[in-house]
């Protein structure tokens, strides 16, 4: 059976253009997008939701450092 998606690479826009249309940017080198659940008060949740994903990550890392937890450099 022939691959029905063989033409997709010819008609699909570049990844950067598709992401820009969604209002997001590609992950950088060493970045991941984990799915975690947290329990916070409603005002904290509203503030987190107002931040960009990149800024949320910065806030999360700063909080871990403030608690004395070591944050690695991302090189494994």
Protein backbone atom coordinates (compact mmCIF):
# COMPACT_ATOMS: atom_id res chain seq x y z
CA UNK A 1 0.00 0.00 0.00
CA UNK A 2 1.37 3.43 -0.93
CA UNK A 3 2.12 5.97 1.77
CA UNK A 4 -0.74 8.48 1.62
CA UNK A 5 1.41 11.17 3.26
CA UNK A 6 4.30 11.10 0.78
CA UNK A 7 3.42 14.59 -0.48
CA UNK A 8 3.20 16.24 2.96
CA UNK A 9 6.80 17.49 2.93
CA UNK A 10 6.09 19.41 -0.27
CA UNK A 11 3.01 21.23 1.06
CA UNK A 12 3.76 21.59 4.78
CA UNK A 13 5.22 25.00 5.76
CA UNK A 14 8.51 25.08 7.69
CA UNK A 15 8.33 24.25 11.38
CA UNK A 16 9.18 27.82 12.42
CA UNK A 17 6.28 29.23 10.40
CA UNK A 18 3.82 26.66 11.82
CA UNK A 19 4.92 27.45 15.39
CA UNK A 20 4.72 31.21 14.79
CA UNK A 21 1.15 30.78 13.54
CA UNK A 22 0.33 29.16 16.88
CA UNK A 23 2.09 31.92 18.80
CA UNK A 24 4.81 29.67 20.23
CA UNK A 25 8.53 29.21 19.65
CA UNK A 26 10.54 26.02 19.24
CA UNK A 27 12.31 24.55 22.25
CA UNK A 28 15.94 25.53 22.58
CA UNK A 29 18.86 23.17 22.86
CA UNK A 30 18.59 21.25 26.13
CA UNK A 31 15.04 22.46 26.85
CA UNK A 32 12.16 20.10 27.54
CA UNK A 33 8.45 20.62 27.98
CA UNK A 34 7.49 18.43 30.94
CA UNK A 35 3.91 17.84 31.96
CA UNK A 36 3.71 18.35 35.71
CA UNK A 37 0.83 19.06 38.03
CA UNK A 38 1.13 21.51 40.90
CA UNK A 39 -1.19 22.50 43.71
CA UNK A 40 -1.23 26.24 44.32
CA UNK A 41 -3.64 28.86 45.54
CA UNK A 42 -5.94 30.38 42.91
CA UNK A 43 -4.12 33.77 42.73
CA UNK A 44 -0.79 32.01 42.19
CA UNK A 45 -2.31 29.89 39.43
CA UNK A 46 -3.65 33.01 37.71
CA UNK A 47 -0.23 34.65 37.87
CA UNK A 48 1.50 31.56 36.48
CA UNK A 49 -0.98 31.33 33.64
CA UNK A 50 -0.28 34.96 32.73
CA UNK A 51 3.43 34.24 32.24
CA UNK A 52 5.02 32.92 29.06
CA UNK A 53 6.25 29.32 29.20
CA UNK A 54 9.86 30.55 29.15
CA UNK A 55 9.24 32.93 32.06
CA UNK A 56 7.44 30.18 34.02
CA UNK A 57 10.55 28.03 33.67
CA UNK A 58 12.74 30.87 34.94
CA UNK A 59 10.43 31.38 37.92
CA UNK A 60 10.45 27.66 38.67
CA UNK A 61 14.26 27.47 38.57
CA UNK A 62 14.58 30.57 40.77
CA UNK A 63 12.20 28.99 43.30
CA UNK A 64 14.23 25.79 43.41
CA UNK A 65 17.42 27.77 43.99
CA UNK A 66 15.68 29.80 46.74
CA UNK A 67 14.82 26.53 48.46
CA UNK A 68 18.46 25.50 48.33
CA UNK A 69 17.94 22.84 45.68
CA UNK A 70 20.74 22.46 43.16
CA UNK A 71 19.75 23.17 39.60
CA UNK A 72 22.06 21.47 37.11
CA UNK A 73 23.36 23.09 33.96
CA UNK A 74 21.29 20.81 31.72
CA UNK A 75 24.28 18.84 30.46
CA UNK A 76 23.82 15.20 31.24
